[in-house]
Structure formats: structure tokens, C-alpha cells
Amino acid sequence: MSTSDPFAAPDGSTIVIESPELADIEAGDHERFSHYVAKEKIVESAVTGSPVVALCGKVWIPNRDPGKFPVCPECKEIFESLPPGGGSGEGSS
């Protein structure tokens, strides 16, 4: 077994990954808007099927093309109030 296998336990056994509790996922306007979410969380969700949390607090499992929907006004307001630099602590010069 490869040591780079993300599903391999140190002893070589299988790791069980439990599904997220879907009861906590909100239904609602995520169907009408696209939301701002960290890129790495979108990738993680695509791989694992886990839900993501938008800047506005909406929780859902992304499965639609966000380009087909208007941006959530709350996410947009929060995003525009953030300092430049993507949250890494370093602003652009």
C-alpha cells in the first residue's frame, strides 16, 4: 500500500469516513443564488461529498453551476468588506 494513500491508516487497515449529518443542511435560497465559499472547500466537497459553508452561513452540498445564478447579496457584502489578500494575512501591494 502506498504511503501517500489518503485512505490508508498507519497500520494498513481501512479508514471509515462517516457521512455528514444532512439534517443540518439548510434548504432555501442556495437554490436561487450562488454563494462565496473558499476554493479549497469546493474542491474538498467535490471529492468527499461533504457540505460547504458560505460566507453568509448557508450550508449545502454544491451540485449546480454557480454561473447560472446571481451572487448572494449577503455573501457579496461580506466578501467586499474583507481585506485584500484572500485571508492569508498578506495584502496586495
PDB file of N, CA and C in Angstrom:
ATOM      1  N   MET A   1       0.845  -1.180   0.000  1.00  0.00           N
ATOM      2  CA  MET A   1       0.000   0.000   0.000  1.00  0.00           C
ATOM      3  C   MET A   1       0.883   1.233   0.000  1.00  0.00           C
ATOM      4  N   SER A   2       0.561   2.219  -0.782  1.00  0.00           N
ATOM      5  CA  SER A   2       1.336   3.441  -0.891  1.00  0.00           C
ATOM      6  C   SER A   2       1.168   4.292   0.358  1.00  0.00           C
ATOM      7  N   THR A   3       2.264   4.918   0.800  1.00  0.00           N
ATOM      8  CA  THR A   3       2.184   5.784   1.969  1.00  0.00           C
ATOM      9  C   THR A   3       1.475   7.088   1.655  1.00  0.00           C
ATOM     10  N   SER A   4       1.291   7.395   0.374  1.00  0.00           N
ATOM     11  CA  SER A   4       0.582   8.621   0.012  1.00  0.00           C
ATOM     12  C   SER A   4      -0.916   8.385  -0.131  1.00  0.00           C
ATOM     13  N   ASP A   5      -1.387   7.174   0.117  1.00  0.00           N
ATOM     14  CA  ASP A   5      -2.806   6.857   0.027  1.00  0.00           C
ATOM     15  C   ASP A   5      -3.554   7.564   1.156  1.00  0.00           C
ATOM     16  N   PRO A   6      -4.453   8.513   0.841  1.00  0.00           N
ATOM     17  CA  PRO A   6      -5.127   9.279   1.891  1.00  0.00           C
ATOM     18  C   PRO A   6      -6.097   8.453   2.721  1.00  0.00           C
ATOM     19  N   PHE A   7      -6.459   7.250   2.259  1.00  0.00           N
ATOM     20  CA  PHE A   7      -7.409   6.424   2.984  1.00  0.00           C
ATOM     21  C   PHE A   7      -6.738   5.296   3.754  1.00  0.00           C
ATOM     22  N   ALA A   8      -5.410   5.266   3.735  1.00  0.00           N
ATOM     23  CA  ALA A   8      -4.697   4.206   4.435  1.00  0.00           C
ATOM     24  C   ALA A   8      -4.380   4.640   5.859  1.00  0.00           C
ATOM     25  N   ALA A   9      -4.774   3.818   6.815  1.00  0.00           N
ATOM     26  CA  ALA A   9      -4.416   4.056   8.208  1.00  0.00           C
ATOM     27  C   ALA A   9      -2.957   3.652   8.390  1.00  0.00           C
ATOM     28  N   PRO A  10      -2.304   4.161   9.433  1.00  0.00           N
ATOM     29  CA  PRO A  10      -0.896   3.813   9.657  1.00  0.00           C
ATOM     30  C   PRO A  10      -0.637   2.313   9.718  1.00  0.00           C
ATOM     31  N   ASP A  11      -1.614   1.538  10.216  1.00  0.00           N
ATOM     32  CA  ASP A  11      -1.416   0.089  10.310  1.00  0.00           C
ATOM     33  C   ASP A  11      -1.850  -0.650   9.043  1.00  0.00           C
ATOM     34  N   GLY A  12      -2.252   0.098   7.992  1.00  0.00           N
ATOM     35  CA  GLY A  12      -2.647  -0.515   6.733  1.00  0.00           C
ATOM     36  C   GLY A  12      -4.103  -0.911   6.657  1.00  0.00           C
ATOM     37  N   SER A  13      -4.858  -0.695   7.744  1.00  0.00           N
ATOM     38  CA  SER A  13      -6.279  -1.038   7.731  1.00  0.00           C
ATOM     39  C   SER A  13      -7.076   0.024   6.982  1.00  0.00           C
ATOM     40  N   THR A  14      -8.328  -0.235   6.796  1.00  0.00           N
ATOM     41  CA  THR A  14      -9.205   0.696   6.081  1.00  0.00           C
ATOM     42  C   THR A  14      -9.746   1.744   7.041  1.00  0.00           C
ATOM     43  N   ILE A  15      -9.793   2.986   6.579  1.00  0.00           N
ATOM     44  CA  ILE A  15     -10.373   4.063   7.372  1.00  0.00           C
ATOM     45  C   ILE A  15     -11.819   4.241   6.931  1.00  0.00           C
ATOM     46  N   VAL A  16     -12.726   4.326   7.883  1.00  0.00           N
ATOM     47  CA  VAL A  16     -14.133   4.550   7.590  1.00  0.00           C
ATOM     48  C   VAL A  16     -14.399   6.044   7.715  1.00  0.00           C
ATOM     49  N   ILE A  17     -14.948   6.629   6.647  1.00  0.00           N
ATOM     50  CA  ILE A  17     -15.290   8.046   6.661  1.00  0.00           C
ATOM     51  C   ILE A  17     -16.801   8.135   6.742  1.00  0.00           C
ATOM     52  N   GLU A  18     -17.290   8.705   7.834  1.00  0.00           N
ATOM     53  CA  GLU A  18     -18.729   8.795   8.028  1.00  0.00           C
ATOM     54  C   GLU A  18     -19.303   9.946   7.218  1.00  0.00           C
ATOM     55  N   SER A  19     -20.536   9.787   6.784  1.00  0.00           N
ATOM     56  CA  SER A  19     -21.230  10.834   6.031  1.00  0.00           C
ATOM     57  C   SER A  19     -21.611  11.965   6.963  1.00  0.00           C
ATOM     58  N   PRO A  20     -21.655  13.201   6.443  1.00  0.00           N
ATOM     59  CA  PRO A  20     -22.098  14.308   7.287  1.00  0.00           C
ATOM     60  C   PRO A  20     -23.576  14.169   7.624  1.00  0.00           C
ATOM     61  N   GLU A  21     -23.981  14.747   8.716  1.00  0.00           N
ATOM     62  CA  GLU A  21     -25.386  14.736   9.103  1.00  0.00           C
ATOM     63  C   GLU A  21     -26.137  15.705   8.200  1.00  0.00           C
ATOM     64  N   LEU A  22     -26.916  15.185   7.280  1.00  0.00           N
ATOM     65  CA  LEU A  22     -27.592  16.008   6.288  1.00  0.00           C
ATOM     66  C   LEU A  22     -28.754  16.803   6.874  1.00  0.00           C
ATOM     67  N   ALA A  23     -29.201  16.468   8.068  1.00  0.00           N
ATOM     68  CA  ALA A  23     -30.301  17.212   8.676  1.00  0.00           C
ATOM     69  C   ALA A  23     -29.895  18.652   8.962  1.00  0.00           C
ATOM     70  N   ASP A  24     -28.580  18.921   9.088  1.00  0.00           N
ATOM     71  CA  ASP A  24     -28.102  20.261   9.387  1.00  0.00           C
ATOM     72  C   ASP A  24     -27.980  21.133   8.143  1.00  0.00           C
ATOM     73  N   ILE A  25     -28.194  20.566   6.981  1.00  0.00           N
ATOM     74  CA  ILE A  25     -28.057  21.320   5.736  1.00  0.00           C
ATOM     75  C   ILE A  25     -29.351  22.073   5.476  1.00  0.00           C
ATOM     76  N   GLU A  26     -29.202  23.383   5.272  1.00  0.00           N
ATOM     77  CA  GLU A  26     -30.373  24.235   5.076  1.00  0.00           C
ATOM     78  C   GLU A  26     -30.879  24.162   3.639  1.00  0.00           C
ATOM     79  N   ALA A  27     -32.180  24.104   3.500  1.00  0.00           N
ATOM     80  CA  ALA A  27     -32.794  24.265   2.191  1.00  0.00           C
ATOM     81  C   ALA A  27     -33.112  25.743   2.055  1.00  0.00           C
ATOM     82  N   GLY A  28     -33.299  26.214   0.864  1.00  0.00           N
ATOM     83  CA  GLY A  28     -33.687  27.612   0.745  1.00  0.00           C
ATOM     84  C   GLY A  28     -33.024  28.323  -0.397  1.00  0.00           C
ATOM     85  N   ASP A  29     -32.551  29.542  -0.126  1.00  0.00           N
ATOM     86  CA  ASP A  29     -32.115  30.404  -1.211  1.00  0.00           C
ATOM     87  C   ASP A  29     -30.822  29.968  -1.886  1.00  0.00           C
ATOM     88  N   HIS A  30     -30.122  28.942  -1.369  1.00  0.00           N
ATOM     89  CA  HIS A  30     -28.953  28.476  -2.113  1.00  0.00           C
ATOM     90  C   HIS A  30     -29.362  27.956  -3.483  1.00  0.00           C
ATOM     91  N   GLU A  31     -30.640  27.680  -3.634  1.00  0.00           N
ATOM     92  CA  GLU A  31     -31.155  27.263  -4.931  1.00  0.00           C
ATOM     93  C   GLU A  31     -31.330  28.463  -5.866  1.00  0.00           C
ATOM     94  N   ARG A  32     -31.412  29.664  -5.309  1.00  0.00           N
ATOM     95  CA  ARG A  32     -31.642  30.867  -6.114  1.00  0.00           C
ATOM     96  C   ARG A  32     -30.393  31.715  -6.310  1.00  0.00           C
ATOM     97  N   PHE A  33     -29.373  31.525  -5.473  1.00  0.00           N
ATOM     98  CA  PHE A  33     -28.168  32.342  -5.519  1.00  0.00           C
ATOM     99  C   PHE A  33     -26.922  31.470  -5.608  1.00  0.00           C
ATOM    100  N   SER A  34     -25.844  32.068  -6.112  1.00  0.00           N
ATOM    101  CA  SER A  34     -24.531  31.443  -5.958  1.00  0.00           C
ATOM    102  C   SER A  34     -23.886  32.120  -4.753  1.00  0.00           C
ATOM    103  N   HIS A  35     -23.093  31.372  -4.025  1.00  0.00           N
ATOM    104  CA  HIS A  35     -22.515  31.852  -2.767  1.00  0.00           C
ATOM    105  C   HIS A  35     -20.993  31.810  -2.817  1.00  0.00           C
ATOM    106  N   TYR A  36     -20.361  32.636  -1.988  1.00  0.00           N
ATOM    107  CA  TYR A  36     -18.904  32.641  -1.872  1.00  0.00           C
ATOM    108  C   TYR A  36     -18.470  31.600  -0.845  1.00  0.00           C
ATOM    109  N   VAL A  37     -17.572  30.708  -1.294  1.00  0.00           N
ATOM    110  CA  VAL A  37     -17.009  29.658  -0.452  1.00  0.00           C
ATOM    111  C   VAL A  37     -15.530  29.560  -0.807  1.00  0.00           C
ATOM    112  N   ALA A  38     -14.673  29.252   0.160  1.00  0.00           N
ATOM    113  CA  ALA A  38     -13.239  29.081  -0.101  1.00  0.00           C
ATOM    114  C   ALA A  38     -13.035  28.000  -1.162  1.00  0.00           C
ATOM    115  N   LYS A  39     -12.147  28.283  -2.129  1.00  0.00           N
ATOM    116  CA  LYS A  39     -11.911  27.343  -3.239  1.00  0.00           C
ATOM    117  C   LYS A  39     -11.544  25.956  -2.753  1.00  0.00           C
ATOM    118  N   GLU A  40     -10.684  25.876  -1.734  1.00  0.00           N
ATOM    119  CA  GLU A  40     -10.261  24.559  -1.257  1.00  0.00           C
ATOM    120  C   GLU A  40     -11.435  23.769  -0.677  1.00  0.00           C
ATOM    121  N   LYS A  41     -12.443  24.463  -0.144  1.00  0.00           N
ATOM    122  CA  LYS A  41     -13.626  23.776   0.381  1.00  0.00           C
ATOM    123  C   LYS A  41     -14.501  23.235  -0.746  1.00  0.00           C
ATOM    124  N   ILE A  42     -14.547  23.947  -1.868  1.00  0.00           N
ATOM    125  CA  ILE A  42     -15.298  23.461  -3.035  1.00  0.00           C
ATOM    126  C   ILE A  42     -14.651  22.188  -3.567  1.00  0.00           C
ATOM    127  N   VAL A  43     -13.322  22.205  -3.664  1.00  0.00           N
ATOM    128  CA  VAL A  43     -12.591  21.022  -4.144  1.00  0.00           C
ATOM    129  C   VAL A  43     -12.817  19.862  -3.184  1.00  0.00           C
ATOM    130  N   GLU A  44     -12.688  20.129  -1.889  1.00  0.00           N
ATOM    131  CA  GLU A  44     -12.897  19.086  -0.887  1.00  0.00           C
ATOM    132  C   GLU A  44     -14.303  18.499  -0.998  1.00  0.00           C
ATOM    133  N   SER A  45     -15.300  19.361  -1.187  1.00  0.00           N
ATOM    134  CA  SER A  45     -16.679  18.900  -1.319  1.00  0.00           C
ATOM    135  C   SER A  45     -16.860  18.046  -2.564  1.00  0.00           C
ATOM    136  N   ALA A  46     -16.208  18.438  -3.659  1.00  0.00           N
ATOM    137  CA  ALA A  46     -16.315  17.666  -4.903  1.00  0.00           C
ATOM    138  C   ALA A  46     -15.735  16.266  -4.725  1.00  0.00           C
ATOM    139  N   VAL A  47     -14.690  16.164  -3.919  1.00  0.00           N
ATOM    140  CA  VAL A  47     -14.025  14.869  -3.713  1.00  0.00           C
ATOM    141  C   VAL A  47     -14.770  14.023  -2.680  1.00  0.00           C
ATOM    142  N   THR A  48     -15.179  14.641  -1.575  1.00  0.00           N
ATOM    143  CA  THR A  48     -15.746  13.882  -0.467  1.00  0.00           C
ATOM    144  C   THR A  48     -17.265  13.891  -0.400  1.00  0.00           C
ATOM    145  N   GLY A  49     -17.898  14.862  -1.084  1.00  0.00           N
ATOM    146  CA  GLY A  49     -19.349  14.992  -0.987  1.00  0.00           C
ATOM    147  C   GLY A  49     -19.793  15.691   0.283  1.00  0.00           C
ATOM    148  N   SER A  50     -18.848  16.302   0.993  1.00  0.00           N
ATOM    149  CA  SER A  50     -19.189  16.975   2.239  1.00  0.00           C
ATOM    150  C   SER A  50     -19.796  18.345   1.970  1.00  0.00           C
ATOM    151  N   PRO A  51     -20.638  18.829   2.869  1.00  0.00           N
ATOM    152  CA  PRO A  51     -21.249  20.142   2.679  1.00  0.00           C
ATOM    153  C   PRO A  51     -20.226  21.260   2.868  1.00  0.00           C
ATOM    154  N   VAL A  52     -20.541  22.431   2.312  1.00  0.00           N
ATOM    155  CA  VAL A  52     -19.702  23.616   2.452  1.00  0.00           C
ATOM    156  C   VAL A  52     -20.504  24.685   3.189  1.00  0.00           C
ATOM    157  N   VAL A  53     -19.771  25.682   3.729  1.00  0.00           N
ATOM    158  CA  VAL A  53     -20.409  26.797   4.415  1.00  0.00           C
ATOM    159  C   VAL A  53     -20.027  28.072   3.683  1.00  0.00           C
ATOM    160  N   ALA A  54     -21.019  28.809   3.210  1.00  0.00           N
ATOM    161  CA  ALA A  54     -20.785  30.070   2.505  1.00  0.00           C
ATOM    162  C   ALA A  54     -20.478  31.174   3.509  1.00  0.00           C
ATOM    163  N   LEU A  55     -19.978  32.299   3.004  1.00  0.00           N
ATOM    164  CA  LEU A  55     -19.702  33.447   3.866  1.00  0.00           C
ATOM    165  C   LEU A  55     -20.936  33.877   4.649  1.00  0.00           C
ATOM    166  N   CYS A  56     -22.099  33.749   4.029  1.00  0.00           N
ATOM    167  CA  CYS A  56     -23.344  34.167   4.670  1.00  0.00           C
ATOM    168  C   CYS A  56     -23.847  33.150   5.689  1.00  0.00           C
ATOM    169  N   GLY A  57     -23.205  31.985   5.750  1.00  0.00           N
ATOM    170  CA  GLY A  57     -23.603  30.958   6.707  1.00  0.00           C
ATOM    171  C   GLY A  57     -24.432  29.826   6.135  1.00  0.00           C
ATOM    172  N   LYS A  58     -24.818  29.898   4.874  1.00  0.00           N
ATOM    173  CA  LYS A  58     -25.585  28.817   4.261  1.00  0.00           C
ATOM    174  C   LYS A  58     -24.726  27.564   4.176  1.00  0.00           C
ATOM    175  N   VAL A  59     -25.335  26.427   4.458  1.00  0.00           N
ATOM    176  CA  VAL A  59     -24.658  25.129   4.416  1.00  0.00           C
ATOM    177  C   VAL A  59     -25.375  24.267   3.392  1.00  0.00           C
ATOM    178  N   TRP A  60     -24.622  23.694   2.442  1.00  0.00           N
ATOM    179  CA  TRP A  60     -25.214  22.840   1.418  1.00  0.00           C
ATOM    180  C   TRP A  60     -24.111  22.060   0.706  1.00  0.00           C
ATOM    181  N   ILE A  61     -24.516  21.097  -0.091  1.00  0.00           N
ATOM    182  CA  ILE A  61     -23.585  20.343  -0.923  1.00  0.00           C
ATOM    183  C   ILE A  61     -23.713  20.891  -2.338  1.00  0.00           C
ATOM    184  N   PRO A  62     -22.663  21.560  -2.842  1.00  0.00           N
ATOM    185  CA  PRO A  62     -22.748  22.176  -4.170  1.00  0.00           C
ATOM    186  C   PRO A  62     -22.902  21.127  -5.264  1.00  0.00           C
ATOM    187  N   ASN A  63     -23.830  21.395  -6.175  1.00  0.00           N
ATOM    188  CA  ASN A  63     -24.019  20.474  -7.296  1.00  0.00           C
ATOM    189  C   ASN A  63     -24.552  21.183  -8.530  1.00  0.00           C
ATOM    190  N   ARG A  64     -24.536  22.502  -8.542  1.00  0.00           N
ATOM    191  CA  ARG A  64     -25.044  23.272  -9.682  1.00  0.00           C
ATOM    192  C   ARG A  64     -23.990  24.259 -10.157  1.00  0.00           C
ATOM    193  N   ASP A  65     -24.124  24.708 -11.378  1.00  0.00           N
ATOM    194  CA  ASP A  65     -23.218  25.697 -11.949  1.00  0.00           C
ATOM    195  C   ASP A  65     -23.522  27.059 -11.332  1.00  0.00           C
ATOM    196  N   PRO A  66     -22.613  27.619 -10.515  1.00  0.00           N
ATOM    197  CA  PRO A  66     -22.895  28.893  -9.870  1.00  0.00           C
ATOM    198  C   PRO A  66     -23.002  30.062 -10.851  1.00  0.00           C
ATOM    199  N   GLY A  67     -22.454  29.914 -12.048  1.00  0.00           N
ATOM    200  CA  GLY A  67     -22.527  30.966 -13.048  1.00  0.00           C
ATOM    201  C   GLY A  67     -23.925  31.207 -13.575  1.00  0.00           C
ATOM    202  N   LYS A  68     -24.846  30.300 -13.273  1.00  0.00           N
ATOM    203  CA  LYS A  68     -26.226  30.428 -13.762  1.00  0.00           C
ATOM    204  C   LYS A  68     -27.127  31.189 -12.792  1.00  0.00           C
ATOM    205  N   PHE A  69     -26.564  31.639 -11.661  1.00  0.00           N
ATOM    206  CA  PHE A  69     -27.361  32.277 -10.628  1.00  0.00           C
ATOM    207  C   PHE A  69     -26.730  33.604 -10.212  1.00  0.00           C
ATOM    208  N   PRO A  70     -27.525  34.552  -9.740  1.00  0.00           N
ATOM    209  CA  PRO A  70     -26.955  35.800  -9.219  1.00  0.00           C
ATOM    210  C   PRO A  70     -26.223  35.532  -7.904  1.00  0.00           C
ATOM    211  N   VAL A  71     -25.267  36.386  -7.581  1.00  0.00           N
ATOM    212  CA  VAL A  71     -24.494  36.229  -6.346  1.00  0.00           C
ATOM    213  C   VAL A  71     -25.363  36.614  -5.147  1.00  0.00           C
ATOM    214  N   CYS A  72     -25.258  35.845  -4.105  1.00  0.00           N
ATOM    215  CA  CYS A  72     -25.969  36.117  -2.853  1.00  0.00           C
ATOM    216  C   CYS A  72     -25.573  37.504  -2.356  1.00  0.00           C
ATOM    217  N   PRO A  73     -26.535  38.398  -2.123  1.00  0.00           N
ATOM    218  CA  PRO A  73     -26.200  39.745  -1.685  1.00  0.00           C
ATOM    219  C   PRO A  73     -25.454  39.777  -0.350  1.00  0.00           C
ATOM    220  N   GLU A  74     -25.790  38.884   0.556  1.00  0.00           N
ATOM    221  CA  GLU A  74     -25.119  38.844   1.857  1.00  0.00           C
ATOM    222  C   GLU A  74     -23.668  38.386   1.708  1.00  0.00           C
ATOM    223  N   CYS A  75     -23.435  37.339   0.895  1.00  0.00           N
ATOM    224  CA  CYS A  75     -22.064  36.878   0.639  1.00  0.00           C
ATOM    225  C   CYS A  75     -21.241  37.991  -0.005  1.00  0.00           C
ATOM    226  N   LYS A  76     -21.838  38.679  -0.973  1.00  0.00           N
ATOM    227  CA  LYS A  76     -21.131  39.736  -1.688  1.00  0.00           C
ATOM    228  C   LYS A  76     -20.738  40.856  -0.730  1.00  0.00           C
ATOM    229  N   GLU A  77     -21.638  41.253   0.145  1.00  0.00           N
ATOM    230  CA  GLU A  77     -21.358  42.314   1.112  1.00  0.00           C
ATOM    231  C   GLU A  77     -20.228  41.910   2.052  1.00  0.00           C
ATOM    232  N   ILE A  78     -20.253  40.676   2.538  1.00  0.00           N
ATOM    233  CA  ILE A  78     -19.207  40.187   3.434  1.00  0.00           C
ATOM    234  C   ILE A  78     -17.875  40.119   2.697  1.00  0.00           C
ATOM    235  N   PHE A  79     -17.885  39.584   1.482  1.00  0.00           N
ATOM    236  CA  PHE A  79     -16.656  39.459   0.691  1.00  0.00           C
ATOM    237  C   PHE A  79     -16.021  40.823   0.437  1.00  0.00           C
ATOM    238  N   GLU A  80     -16.847  41.797   0.076  1.00  0.00           N
ATOM    239  CA  GLU A  80     -16.323  43.129  -0.224  1.00  0.00           C
ATOM    240  C   GLU A  80     -15.790  43.844   1.016  1.00  0.00           C
ATOM    241  N   SER A  81     -16.206  43.413   2.205  1.00  0.00           N
ATOM    242  CA  SER A  81     -15.716  44.034   3.429  1.00  0.00           C
ATOM    243  C   SER A  81     -14.415  43.394   3.926  1.00  0.00           C
ATOM    244  N   LEU A  82     -14.025  42.261   3.329  1.00  0.00           N
ATOM    245  CA  LEU A  82     -12.803  41.571   3.737  1.00  0.00           C
ATOM    246  C   LEU A  82     -11.571  42.325   3.223  1.00  0.00           C
ATOM    247  N   PRO A  83     -10.466  42.261   3.967  1.00  0.00           N
ATOM    248  CA  PRO A  83      -9.238  42.892   3.485  1.00  0.00           C
ATOM    249  C   PRO A  83      -8.706  42.145   2.270  1.00  0.00           C
ATOM    250  N   PRO A  84      -7.972  42.816   1.367  1.00  0.00           N
ATOM    251  CA  PRO A  84      -7.412  42.133   0.202  1.00  0.00           C
ATOM    252  C   PRO A  84      -6.375  41.097   0.638  1.00  0.00           C
ATOM    253  N   GLY A  85      -6.172  40.099  -0.198  1.00  0.00           N
ATOM    254  CA  GLY A  85      -5.149  39.092   0.078  1.00  0.00           C
ATOM    255  C   GLY A  85      -5.691  37.711   0.342  1.00  0.00           C
ATOM    256  N   GLY A  86      -6.983  37.510   0.217  1.00  0.00           N
ATOM    257  CA  GLY A  86      -7.546  36.174   0.344  1.00  0.00           C
ATOM    258  C   GLY A  86      -7.504  35.585   1.730  1.00  0.00           C
ATOM    259  N   GLY A  87      -7.360  36.426   2.758  1.00  0.00           N
ATOM    260  CA  GLY A  87      -7.377  35.918   4.117  1.00  0.00           C
ATOM    261  C   GLY A  87      -6.086  35.304   4.565  1.00  0.00           C
ATOM    262  N   SER A  88      -5.024  35.415   3.767  1.00  0.00           N
ATOM    263  CA  SER A  88      -3.748  34.821   4.160  1.00  0.00           C
ATOM    264  C   SER A  88      -2.968  35.725   5.095  1.00  0.00           C
ATOM    265  N   GLY A  89      -3.512  36.906   5.380  1.00  0.00           N
ATOM    266  CA  GLY A  89      -2.821  37.834   6.251  1.00  0.00           C
ATOM    267  C   GLY A  89      -1.879  38.754   5.515  1.00  0.00           C
ATOM    268  N   GLU A  90      -1.758  38.558   4.226  1.00  0.00           N
ATOM    269  CA  GLU A  90      -0.876  39.392   3.413  1.00  0.00           C
ATOM    270  C   GLU A  90      -1.707  40.120   2.379  1.00  0.00           C
ATOM    271  N   GLY A  91      -1.718  41.428   2.431  1.00  0.00           N
ATOM    272  CA  GLY A  91      -2.448  42.219   1.442  1.00  0.00           C
ATOM    273  C   GLY A  91      -1.631  42.398   0.192  1.00  0.00           C
ATOM    274  N   SER A  92      -2.282  42.751  -0.890  1.00  0.00           N
ATOM    275  CA  SER A  92      -1.537  43.001  -2.132  1.00  0.00           C
ATOM    276  C   SER A  92      -0.971  44.397  -2.084  1.00  0.00           C
ATOM    277  N   SER A  93       0.159  44.617  -2.757  1.00  0.00           N
ATOM    278  CA  SER A  93       0.795  45.926  -2.718  1.00  0.00           C
ATOM    279  C   SER A  93       0.466  46.754  -3.922  1.00  0.00           C
TER     280      SER A  93
END
